[in-house]
Amino acid sequence: MSMNREQKRMLQRQGEVDADGEPIRQRRSQTSHQPEERTGVAQFTREVRAELRKVAWPSRAETANYATVVVITIIVVTAIVASLDWIFSNSVLNLFDV
C-alpha cells in the first residue's frame, strides 16, 4: 500500500496500520445476506400510519404563508429571468444589426 507520511501517521493514530504501514485490522468479508421476509400490506399500512402520526404538520396559516412565499418567489425569479433574456436577446440582435 503506497501512502505518504501524513496518511501513514494519520492511519497509525487511528490504529489502522502498524509502524511499517501494514494494515492491522482485517476487513470484514461480505457474508451472504439472507433477504428479510417482506411485510404484508396491512403491516405496512399500520407502520405508515404510525409514522405519519409522529409528523409535526403545519397549521393552515403556516401552509398559506409558505405557499405565498413560494408563489412570490416564483414570480420574482421568472421576472428576472425574462428580463435578462430580453436584454441579452436585444443585445445580440443589436450586435449583429438584425
N, C-alpha and C. Protein backbone atom coordinates (compact mmCIF):
# COMPACT_ATOMS: atom_id res chain seq x y z
N MET A 1 0.86 -1.16 0.00
CA MET A 1 0.00 0.00 0.00
C MET A 1 0.91 1.23 0.00
N SER A 2 0.82 2.05 -1.02
CA SER A 2 1.65 3.24 -1.05
C SER A 2 0.86 4.41 -0.47
N MET A 3 1.54 5.11 0.44
CA MET A 3 0.91 6.27 1.06
C MET A 3 2.01 7.23 1.49
N ASN A 4 1.66 8.47 1.60
CA ASN A 4 2.66 9.44 2.04
C ASN A 4 2.74 9.44 3.57
N ARG A 5 3.70 10.20 4.09
CA ARG A 5 3.94 10.20 5.54
C ARG A 5 2.73 10.68 6.33
N GLU A 6 2.06 11.69 5.79
CA GLU A 6 0.91 12.24 6.51
C GLU A 6 -0.21 11.20 6.63
N GLN A 7 -0.48 10.50 5.52
CA GLN A 7 -1.51 9.47 5.56
C GLN A 7 -1.11 8.35 6.51
N LYS A 8 0.17 7.96 6.46
CA LYS A 8 0.65 6.88 7.32
C LYS A 8 0.50 7.26 8.79
N ARG A 9 0.89 8.49 9.16
CA ARG A 9 0.77 8.93 10.55
C ARG A 9 -0.69 8.98 11.00
N MET A 10 -1.56 9.47 10.11
CA MET A 10 -2.98 9.54 10.46
C MET A 10 -3.54 8.13 10.69
N LEU A 11 -3.21 7.21 9.80
CA LEU A 11 -3.72 5.85 9.94
C LEU A 11 -3.12 5.16 11.17
N GLN A 12 -1.88 5.49 11.53
CA GLN A 12 -1.29 4.93 12.74
C GLN A 12 -2.02 5.44 13.98
N ARG A 13 -2.36 6.74 13.99
CA ARG A 13 -3.12 7.29 15.12
C ARG A 13 -4.48 6.63 15.25
N GLN A 14 -5.09 6.28 14.11
CA GLN A 14 -6.40 5.65 14.14
C GLN A 14 -6.32 4.16 14.43
N GLY A 15 -5.09 3.62 14.44
CA GLY A 15 -4.93 2.20 14.72
C GLY A 15 -5.18 1.32 13.51
N GLU A 16 -5.12 1.89 12.33
CA GLU A 16 -5.37 1.13 11.12
C GLU A 16 -4.12 0.42 10.60
N VAL A 17 -2.94 1.05 10.79
CA VAL A 17 -1.70 0.45 10.29
C VAL A 17 -0.66 0.44 11.42
N ASP A 18 0.33 -0.47 11.29
CA ASP A 18 1.41 -0.52 12.27
C ASP A 18 2.53 0.42 11.85
N ALA A 19 3.69 0.34 12.52
CA ALA A 19 4.79 1.25 12.25
C ALA A 19 5.34 1.10 10.84
N ASP A 20 5.18 -0.09 10.24
CA ASP A 20 5.68 -0.32 8.89
C ASP A 20 4.67 0.08 7.81
N GLY A 21 3.49 0.45 8.22
CA GLY A 21 2.46 0.83 7.25
C GLY A 21 1.61 -0.34 6.80
N GLU A 22 1.74 -1.47 7.48
CA GLU A 22 0.94 -2.65 7.12
C GLU A 22 -0.40 -2.59 7.87
N PRO A 23 -1.48 -2.99 7.21
CA PRO A 23 -2.79 -2.94 7.87
C PRO A 23 -2.84 -3.85 9.09
N ILE A 24 -3.46 -3.34 10.15
CA ILE A 24 -3.61 -4.12 11.38
C ILE A 24 -4.92 -4.88 11.35
N ARG A 25 -5.96 -4.20 11.06
CA ARG A 25 -7.29 -4.81 11.05
C ARG A 25 -7.55 -5.47 9.71
N GLN A 26 -8.25 -6.53 9.75
CA GLN A 26 -8.68 -7.20 8.53
C GLN A 26 -10.07 -6.71 8.19
N ARG A 27 -10.29 -6.46 6.93
CA ARG A 27 -11.62 -6.03 6.51
C ARG A 27 -12.60 -7.18 6.67
N ARG A 28 -13.81 -6.82 7.01
CA ARG A 28 -14.84 -7.84 7.14
C ARG A 28 -15.19 -8.39 5.77
N SER A 29 -15.28 -9.66 5.68
CA SER A 29 -15.66 -10.24 4.39
C SER A 29 -17.17 -10.14 4.25
N GLN A 30 -17.59 -10.01 3.03
CA GLN A 30 -19.02 -9.91 2.77
C GLN A 30 -19.65 -11.28 2.92
N THR A 31 -20.57 -11.37 3.84
CA THR A 31 -21.27 -12.63 4.05
C THR A 31 -22.54 -12.63 3.22
N SER A 32 -22.96 -13.80 2.87
CA SER A 32 -24.21 -13.86 2.11
C SER A 32 -25.35 -13.50 3.04
N HIS A 33 -26.07 -12.49 2.67
CA HIS A 33 -27.13 -11.94 3.50
C HIS A 33 -28.45 -12.56 3.06
N GLN A 34 -29.14 -13.15 4.00
CA GLN A 34 -30.44 -13.72 3.70
C GLN A 34 -31.46 -12.58 3.59
N PRO A 35 -32.22 -12.52 2.51
CA PRO A 35 -33.20 -11.44 2.40
C PRO A 35 -34.27 -11.57 3.48
N GLU A 36 -34.65 -10.42 4.04
CA GLU A 36 -35.68 -10.43 5.07
C GLU A 36 -37.03 -10.75 4.46
N GLU A 37 -37.87 -11.30 5.29
CA GLU A 37 -39.22 -11.60 4.82
C GLU A 37 -39.98 -10.30 4.65
N ARG A 38 -40.66 -10.16 3.55
CA ARG A 38 -41.38 -8.93 3.25
C ARG A 38 -42.60 -8.79 4.15
N THR A 39 -42.89 -7.54 4.52
CA THR A 39 -44.07 -7.31 5.34
C THR A 39 -45.30 -7.29 4.45
N GLY A 40 -46.41 -7.58 5.03
CA GLY A 40 -47.66 -7.57 4.28
C GLY A 40 -48.20 -6.16 4.14
N VAL A 41 -49.25 -6.03 3.34
CA VAL A 41 -49.85 -4.74 3.08
C VAL A 41 -50.44 -4.15 4.37
N ALA A 42 -51.08 -4.97 5.17
CA ALA A 42 -51.70 -4.48 6.41
C ALA A 42 -50.63 -3.97 7.38
N GLN A 43 -49.54 -4.72 7.54
CA GLN A 43 -48.47 -4.30 8.44
C GLN A 43 -47.82 -3.01 7.92
N PHE A 44 -47.60 -2.94 6.62
CA PHE A 44 -47.01 -1.74 6.02
C PHE A 44 -47.91 -0.53 6.28
N THR A 45 -49.21 -0.68 6.09
CA THR A 45 -50.16 0.42 6.30
C THR A 45 -50.15 0.85 7.76
N ARG A 46 -50.11 -0.09 8.69
CA ARG A 46 -50.06 0.26 10.12
C ARG A 46 -48.79 1.05 10.44
N GLU A 47 -47.66 0.62 9.89
CA GLU A 47 -46.41 1.31 10.15
C GLU A 47 -46.41 2.72 9.55
N VAL A 48 -46.96 2.86 8.36
CA VAL A 48 -47.03 4.18 7.73
C VAL A 48 -47.90 5.12 8.56
N ARG A 49 -49.05 4.63 9.00
CA ARG A 49 -49.94 5.47 9.81
C ARG A 49 -49.28 5.85 11.13
N ALA A 50 -48.54 4.92 11.73
CA ALA A 50 -47.85 5.22 12.99
C ALA A 50 -46.79 6.30 12.77
N GLU A 51 -46.07 6.23 11.66
CA GLU A 51 -45.05 7.25 11.38
C GLU A 51 -45.69 8.60 11.07
N LEU A 52 -46.80 8.59 10.34
CA LEU A 52 -47.47 9.85 10.00
C LEU A 52 -48.06 10.54 11.23
N ARG A 53 -48.39 9.77 12.26
CA ARG A 53 -48.87 10.39 13.49
C ARG A 53 -47.76 11.17 14.19
N LYS A 54 -46.50 10.79 13.95
CA LYS A 54 -45.37 11.46 14.59
C LYS A 54 -44.99 12.76 13.90
N VAL A 55 -45.51 12.99 12.70
CA VAL A 55 -45.12 14.17 11.92
C VAL A 55 -45.73 15.42 12.53
N ALA A 56 -44.95 16.49 12.59
CA ALA A 56 -45.43 17.78 13.07
C ALA A 56 -46.00 18.52 11.86
N TRP A 57 -47.29 18.42 11.64
CA TRP A 57 -47.94 19.02 10.48
C TRP A 57 -48.09 20.51 10.68
N PRO A 58 -47.88 21.32 9.63
CA PRO A 58 -48.07 22.76 9.76
C PRO A 58 -49.55 23.10 9.84
N SER A 59 -49.82 24.24 10.47
CA SER A 59 -51.22 24.68 10.56
C SER A 59 -51.65 25.25 9.20
N ARG A 60 -52.93 25.55 9.09
CA ARG A 60 -53.45 26.12 7.84
C ARG A 60 -52.81 27.47 7.55
N ALA A 61 -52.60 28.29 8.59
CA ALA A 61 -51.98 29.60 8.40
C ALA A 61 -50.53 29.47 7.95
N GLU A 62 -49.80 28.54 8.55
CA GLU A 62 -48.41 28.32 8.13
C GLU A 62 -48.33 27.86 6.68
N THR A 63 -49.22 26.96 6.31
CA THR A 63 -49.24 26.47 4.94
C THR A 63 -49.54 27.60 3.96
N ALA A 64 -50.49 28.47 4.31
CA ALA A 64 -50.81 29.60 3.45
C ALA A 64 -49.62 30.55 3.33
N ASN A 65 -48.92 30.79 4.44
CA ASN A 65 -47.74 31.66 4.40
C ASN A 65 -46.65 31.06 3.51
N TYR A 66 -46.39 29.77 3.67
CA TYR A 66 -45.36 29.10 2.86
C TYR A 66 -45.73 29.15 1.39
N ALA A 67 -47.01 28.91 1.08
CA ALA A 67 -47.45 28.93 -0.32
C ALA A 67 -47.30 30.33 -0.91
N THR A 68 -47.63 31.35 -0.12
CA THR A 68 -47.49 32.74 -0.58
C THR A 68 -46.03 33.07 -0.88
N VAL A 69 -45.14 32.67 0.02
CA VAL A 69 -43.71 32.91 -0.20
C VAL A 69 -43.23 32.22 -1.47
N VAL A 70 -43.66 30.99 -1.68
CA VAL A 70 -43.25 30.24 -2.88
C VAL A 70 -43.76 30.92 -4.14
N VAL A 71 -45.02 31.32 -4.16
CA VAL A 71 -45.59 31.95 -5.36
C VAL A 71 -44.89 33.27 -5.66
N ILE A 72 -44.65 34.08 -4.64
CA ILE A 72 -43.97 35.36 -4.84
C ILE A 72 -42.55 35.13 -5.34
N THR A 73 -41.86 34.17 -4.78
CA THR A 73 -40.50 33.86 -5.22
C THR A 73 -40.49 33.40 -6.67
N ILE A 74 -41.43 32.57 -7.06
CA ILE A 74 -41.51 32.10 -8.46
C ILE A 74 -41.75 33.28 -9.40
N ILE A 75 -42.64 34.19 -9.00
CA ILE A 75 -42.93 35.35 -9.85
C ILE A 75 -41.69 36.23 -9.99
N VAL A 76 -40.99 36.48 -8.90
CA VAL A 76 -39.80 37.33 -8.95
C VAL A 76 -38.70 36.70 -9.79
N VAL A 77 -38.43 35.44 -9.58
CA VAL A 77 -37.38 34.76 -10.34
C VAL A 77 -37.75 34.69 -11.82
N THR A 78 -39.01 34.44 -12.13
CA THR A 78 -39.45 34.42 -13.52
C THR A 78 -39.27 35.79 -14.17
N ALA A 79 -39.60 36.84 -13.45
CA ALA A 79 -39.43 38.20 -13.98
C ALA A 79 -37.95 38.51 -14.23
N ILE A 80 -37.08 38.10 -13.32
CA ILE A 80 -35.65 38.33 -13.50
C ILE A 80 -35.12 37.59 -14.72
N VAL A 81 -35.49 36.32 -14.85
CA VAL A 81 -35.01 35.53 -15.99
C VAL A 81 -35.56 36.09 -17.30
N ALA A 82 -36.84 36.48 -17.31
CA ALA A 82 -37.44 37.02 -18.53
C ALA A 82 -36.77 38.34 -18.92
N SER A 83 -36.49 39.19 -17.93
CA SER A 83 -35.86 40.47 -18.26
C SER A 83 -34.43 40.26 -18.75
N LEU A 84 -33.69 39.35 -18.14
CA LEU A 84 -32.34 39.05 -18.61
C LEU A 84 -32.37 38.48 -20.03
N ASP A 85 -33.34 37.62 -20.29
CA ASP A 85 -33.48 37.05 -21.63
C ASP A 85 -33.76 38.16 -22.64
N TRP A 86 -34.65 39.09 -22.29
CA TRP A 86 -34.98 40.18 -23.21
C TRP A 86 -33.77 41.08 -23.44
N ILE A 87 -33.04 41.40 -22.37
CA ILE A 87 -31.85 42.26 -22.50
C ILE A 87 -30.80 41.59 -23.38
N PHE A 88 -30.50 40.32 -23.12
CA PHE A 88 -29.46 39.63 -23.90
C PHE A 88 -29.88 39.42 -25.34
N SER A 89 -31.15 39.12 -25.58
CA SER A 89 -31.59 38.91 -26.97
C SER A 89 -31.52 40.23 -27.75
N ASN A 90 -31.94 41.34 -27.13
CA ASN A 90 -31.82 42.63 -27.81
C ASN A 90 -30.36 43.01 -28.03
N SER A 91 -29.50 42.70 -27.07
CA SER A 91 -28.08 43.00 -27.22
C SER A 91 -27.47 42.23 -28.39
N VAL A 92 -27.82 40.97 -28.50
CA VAL A 92 -27.28 40.16 -29.60
C VAL A 92 -27.83 40.65 -30.93
N LEU A 93 -29.11 40.99 -30.99
CA LEU A 93 -29.69 41.48 -32.23
C LEU A 93 -29.03 42.81 -32.63
N ASN A 94 -28.78 43.70 -31.67
CA ASN A 94 -28.13 44.97 -31.96
C ASN A 94 -26.67 44.74 -32.36
N LEU A 95 -26.03 43.77 -31.75
CA LEU A 95 -24.64 43.49 -32.06
C LEU A 95 -24.47 43.05 -33.52
N PHE A 96 -25.40 42.25 -33.99
CA PHE A 96 -25.31 41.74 -35.37
C PHE A 96 -26.16 42.55 -36.34
N ASP A 97 -26.72 43.65 -35.91
CA ASP A 97 -27.52 44.55 -36.77
C ASP A 97 -28.63 43.79 -37.51
N VAL A 98 -29.39 43.04 -36.76
CA VAL A 98 -30.50 42.28 -37.37
C VAL A 98 -31.80 42.99 -37.17
